[in-house]
Amino acid sequence: MKQLILVVMALFAGSALGGGEDLERCLNRDGFSLPQSYCDELRKEKAVGDSLRQALVDSASGANLEICRWNTGNVIAPDYCEQLRKEKAFKDAEQNERNDRNAKLEREFAEEQSARKKIQQAALKEQEQEEAAHKRKCGKDYMAIRIGMAIGRLEECHGASYVTKKVSKDGVVETYQTIFDMVDVKNGKVVSYTKRRY
């Protein structure tokens, strides 16, 4: 914002000098003499414009605030240098606060990710252990339905659940379902099974 104000002021001050006057000899662009008071006023405006243009160049070059000099080599006024130091300290503090906040958020995110990973690994390990125990318990009946298998074994090894029953002249046939199969059971033994339709 300060630079914008300086640019506007420099352009305004320079606009009065756009006529090509020779201010050292107080002549206008046509070579005629200018009144002394008018010439002095133009010299002041030119000095202000030159000063503002130099201030823009200095400000754009950056500064070494420890020795109060612009990078162009020009000296910074002590009061202005102190103001720039305070502004820089304020901006640095804000940036440090943002950096600390971002670092904290990154640490929290990393810790959360690590905790989730540990929970997932523990759940996967527990699932693998349960599956291994289920395989040991069921042996050859694990994931394999056999004709003649007892209903208790079917429920234990395949998680079968009761669906319905049919009464016919041959007796009562109960139907169970597993994850993949529909199973018919008669007198407590598997008599047939088919793949489920989804």
Protein backbone atom coordinates (compact mmCIF):
# COMPACT_ATOMS: atom_id res chain seq x y z
CA MET A 1 0.00 0.00 0.00
CA LYS A 2 2.84 2.38 0.88
CA GLN A 3 4.49 1.67 -2.46
CA LEU A 4 1.24 2.41 -4.30
CA ILE A 5 0.96 5.77 -2.54
CA LEU A 6 4.59 6.53 -3.40
CA VAL A 7 4.01 5.64 -7.07
CA VAL A 8 0.95 7.91 -7.28
CA MET A 9 2.81 10.78 -5.62
CA ALA A 10 5.82 10.31 -7.90
CA LEU A 11 3.61 10.33 -10.99
CA PHE A 12 1.78 13.42 -9.78
CA ALA A 13 5.03 15.23 -9.01
CA GLY A 14 6.50 14.18 -12.35
CA SER A 15 3.46 15.33 -14.33
CA ALA A 16 4.33 18.97 -13.77
CA LEU A 17 7.75 18.27 -15.25
CA GLY A 18 6.50 16.60 -18.38
CA GLY A 19 6.81 19.80 -20.46
CA GLY A 20 10.58 19.51 -20.97
CA GLU A 21 11.64 22.64 -19.07
CA ASP A 22 15.32 23.36 -18.43
CA LEU A 23 15.15 24.13 -14.71
CA GLU A 24 18.87 24.82 -14.31
CA ARG A 25 18.61 27.85 -16.61
CA CYS A 26 14.87 28.49 -15.94
CA LEU A 27 13.88 28.06 -19.61
CA ASN A 28 10.76 26.43 -20.99
CA ARG A 29 10.94 23.84 -23.80
CA ASP A 30 10.78 26.59 -26.42
CA GLY A 31 13.81 28.32 -24.88
CA PHE A 32 11.92 31.23 -23.30
CA SER A 33 12.65 32.33 -19.75
CA LEU A 34 10.39 31.22 -16.95
CA PRO A 35 9.47 33.48 -14.03
CA GLN A 36 11.82 32.80 -11.10
CA SER A 37 9.02 31.91 -8.62
CA TYR A 38 7.51 29.45 -11.11
CA CYS A 39 10.95 27.97 -11.84
CA ASP A 40 11.61 27.55 -8.09
CA GLU A 41 8.24 25.81 -7.66
CA LEU A 42 9.04 23.42 -10.54
CA ARG A 43 12.46 22.69 -9.02
CA LYS A 44 10.79 21.80 -5.70
CA GLU A 45 8.30 19.52 -7.48
CA LYS A 46 11.14 17.87 -9.41
CA ALA A 47 13.10 17.33 -6.19
CA VAL A 48 10.04 15.78 -4.54
CA GLY A 49 9.43 13.56 -7.59
CA ASP A 50 13.10 12.52 -7.72
CA SER A 51 13.01 11.80 -4.00
CA LEU A 52 9.86 9.70 -4.34
CA ARG A 53 11.25 7.79 -7.32
CA GLN A 54 14.44 7.07 -5.36
CA ALA A 55 12.32 5.99 -2.37
CA LEU A 56 10.54 3.51 -4.65
CA VAL A 57 13.83 2.16 -5.96
CA ASP A 58 15.20 1.92 -2.41
CA SER A 59 12.07 0.25 -1.05
CA ALA A 60 11.97 -2.26 -3.91
CA SER A 61 15.62 -3.17 -3.31
CA GLY A 62 14.98 -4.33 0.27
CA ALA A 63 16.82 -3.26 3.39
CA ASN A 64 19.37 -4.26 5.97
CA LEU A 65 17.56 -3.11 9.10
CA GLU A 66 20.50 -3.88 11.38
CA ILE A 67 22.50 -1.02 9.87
CA CYS A 68 19.46 0.99 8.62
CA ARG A 69 20.46 0.99 4.95
CA TRP A 70 18.54 0.14 1.81
CA ASN A 71 20.20 -2.44 -0.40
CA THR A 72 20.87 0.40 -2.85
CA GLY A 73 23.25 1.81 -0.21
CA ASN A 74 21.10 4.76 0.82
CA VAL A 75 20.54 5.42 4.52
CA ILE A 76 17.11 4.80 6.07
CA ALA A 77 15.90 7.51 8.44
CA PRO A 78 16.19 6.25 12.05
CA ASP A 79 12.48 6.65 12.86
CA TYR A 80 11.45 4.90 9.65
CA CYS A 81 14.05 2.19 10.22
CA GLU A 82 12.61 1.55 13.70
CA GLN A 83 9.10 1.38 12.21
CA LEU A 84 10.32 -1.12 9.59
CA ARG A 85 11.98 -3.20 12.34
CA LYS A 86 8.72 -3.32 14.29
CA GLU A 87 6.74 -4.27 11.18
CA LYS A 88 9.28 -6.97 10.35
CA ALA A 89 9.22 -8.30 13.92
CA PHE A 90 5.41 -8.40 13.81
CA LYS A 91 5.39 -10.21 10.44
CA ASP A 92 8.09 -12.63 11.63
CA ALA A 93 6.08 -13.37 14.78
CA GLU A 94 2.95 -14.00 12.71
CA GLN A 95 4.89 -16.28 10.36
CA ASN A 96 6.45 -18.16 13.27
CA GLU A 97 3.01 -18.60 14.81
CA ARG A 98 1.66 -19.95 11.49
CA ASN A 99 4.66 -22.27 11.18
CA ASP A 100 4.20 -23.53 14.75
CA ARG A 101 0.47 -24.07 14.18
CA ASN A 102 1.13 -25.93 10.91
CA ALA A 103 3.85 -28.04 12.54
CA LYS A 104 1.49 -28.90 15.40
CA LEU A 105 -1.27 -29.88 12.95
CA GLU A 106 1.17 -32.01 10.97
CA ARG A 107 2.35 -33.75 14.17
CA GLU A 108 -1.24 -34.38 15.27
CA PHE A 109 -2.13 -35.72 11.82
CA ALA A 110 0.92 -38.02 11.82
CA GLU A 111 0.07 -39.28 15.31
CA GLU A 112 -3.54 -39.88 14.28
CA GLN A 113 -2.42 -41.75 11.15
CA SER A 114 -0.01 -43.83 13.24
CA ALA A 115 -2.75 -44.66 15.76
CA ARG A 116 -5.15 -45.65 12.96
CA LYS A 117 -2.49 -47.82 11.37
CA LYS A 118 -1.85 -49.58 14.69
CA ILE A 119 -5.60 -50.16 15.18
CA GLN A 120 -5.94 -51.53 11.63
CA GLN A 121 -2.92 -53.79 12.10
CA ALA A 122 -4.28 -55.05 15.43
CA ALA A 123 -7.72 -55.69 13.87
CA LEU A 124 -6.15 -57.49 10.91
CA LYS A 125 -3.99 -59.60 13.21
CA GLU A 126 -7.00 -60.46 15.37
CA GLN A 127 -9.00 -61.37 12.26
CA GLU A 128 -6.15 -63.57 11.00
CA GLN A 129 -5.90 -65.29 14.39
CA GLU A 130 -9.66 -65.92 14.48
CA GLU A 131 -9.57 -67.32 10.95
CA ALA A 132 -6.61 -69.56 11.80
CA ALA A 133 -8.42 -70.82 14.94
CA HIS A 134 -11.57 -71.42 12.85
CA LYS A 135 -9.54 -73.39 10.28
CA ARG A 136 -7.97 -75.52 13.02
CA LYS A 137 -11.36 -76.14 14.63
CA CYS A 138 -13.14 -77.09 11.38
CA GLY A 139 -10.28 -78.94 9.68
CA LYS A 140 -11.45 -80.51 6.40
CA ASP A 141 -14.96 -79.04 6.87
CA TYR A 142 -13.61 -75.47 6.62
CA MET A 143 -15.19 -73.87 3.52
CA ALA A 144 -16.36 -77.31 2.31
CA ILE A 145 -19.92 -78.61 2.67
CA ARG A 146 -20.33 -82.38 2.50
CA ILE A 147 -23.40 -84.52 2.09
CA GLY A 148 -24.07 -86.20 5.42
CA MET A 149 -22.49 -83.37 7.45
CA ALA A 150 -24.30 -82.81 10.75
CA ILE A 151 -26.29 -79.57 11.10
CA GLY A 152 -24.22 -78.59 14.16
CA ARG A 153 -21.01 -78.87 12.15
CA LEU A 154 -22.57 -76.89 9.29
CA GLU A 155 -23.53 -74.10 11.70
CA GLU A 156 -20.14 -74.18 13.43
CA CYS A 157 -17.96 -74.19 10.30
CA HIS A 158 -20.11 -72.25 7.84
CA GLY A 159 -22.24 -69.93 9.96
CA ALA A 160 -25.43 -71.45 8.54
CA SER A 161 -28.72 -69.89 9.56
CA TYR A 162 -32.22 -71.39 9.41
CA VAL A 163 -34.47 -70.16 6.59
CA THR A 164 -37.54 -72.39 6.26
CA LYS A 165 -38.82 -75.96 6.26
CA LYS A 166 -40.91 -78.06 3.91
CA VAL A 167 -43.01 -81.03 4.86
CA SER A 168 -43.30 -83.77 2.25
CA LYS A 169 -44.14 -87.48 2.17
CA ASP A 170 -40.39 -88.19 2.62
CA GLY A 171 -40.29 -86.17 5.81
CA VAL A 172 -39.32 -82.69 6.92
CA VAL A 173 -36.60 -80.86 4.96
CA GLU A 174 -35.16 -77.74 6.58
CA THR A 175 -33.39 -75.13 4.48
CA TYR A 176 -30.37 -73.21 5.78
CA GLN A 177 -28.24 -70.57 4.15
CA THR A 178 -24.53 -69.89 4.40
CA ILE A 179 -22.63 -67.03 2.82
CA PHE A 180 -22.46 -68.81 -0.53
CA ASP A 181 -24.90 -71.76 -0.40
CA MET A 182 -28.49 -72.83 0.22
CA VAL A 183 -28.40 -76.13 2.15
CA ASP A 184 -31.17 -78.72 2.63
CA VAL A 185 -31.05 -80.73 5.87
CA LYS A 186 -33.08 -83.84 6.72
CA ASN A 187 -32.94 -85.63 10.04
CA GLY A 188 -30.09 -83.36 11.15
CA LYS A 189 -27.83 -84.19 8.15
CA VAL A 190 -27.04 -82.32 4.92
CA VAL A 191 -28.85 -83.91 1.99
CA SER A 192 -28.15 -81.32 -0.75
CA TYR A 193 -26.81 -77.82 -1.35
CA THR A 194 -26.74 -75.29 -4.18
CA LYS A 195 -25.00 -71.96 -4.72
CA ARG A 196 -27.03 -68.97 -3.66
CA ARG A 197 -28.43 -66.62 -6.26
CA TYR A 198 -27.92 -62.93 -5.57
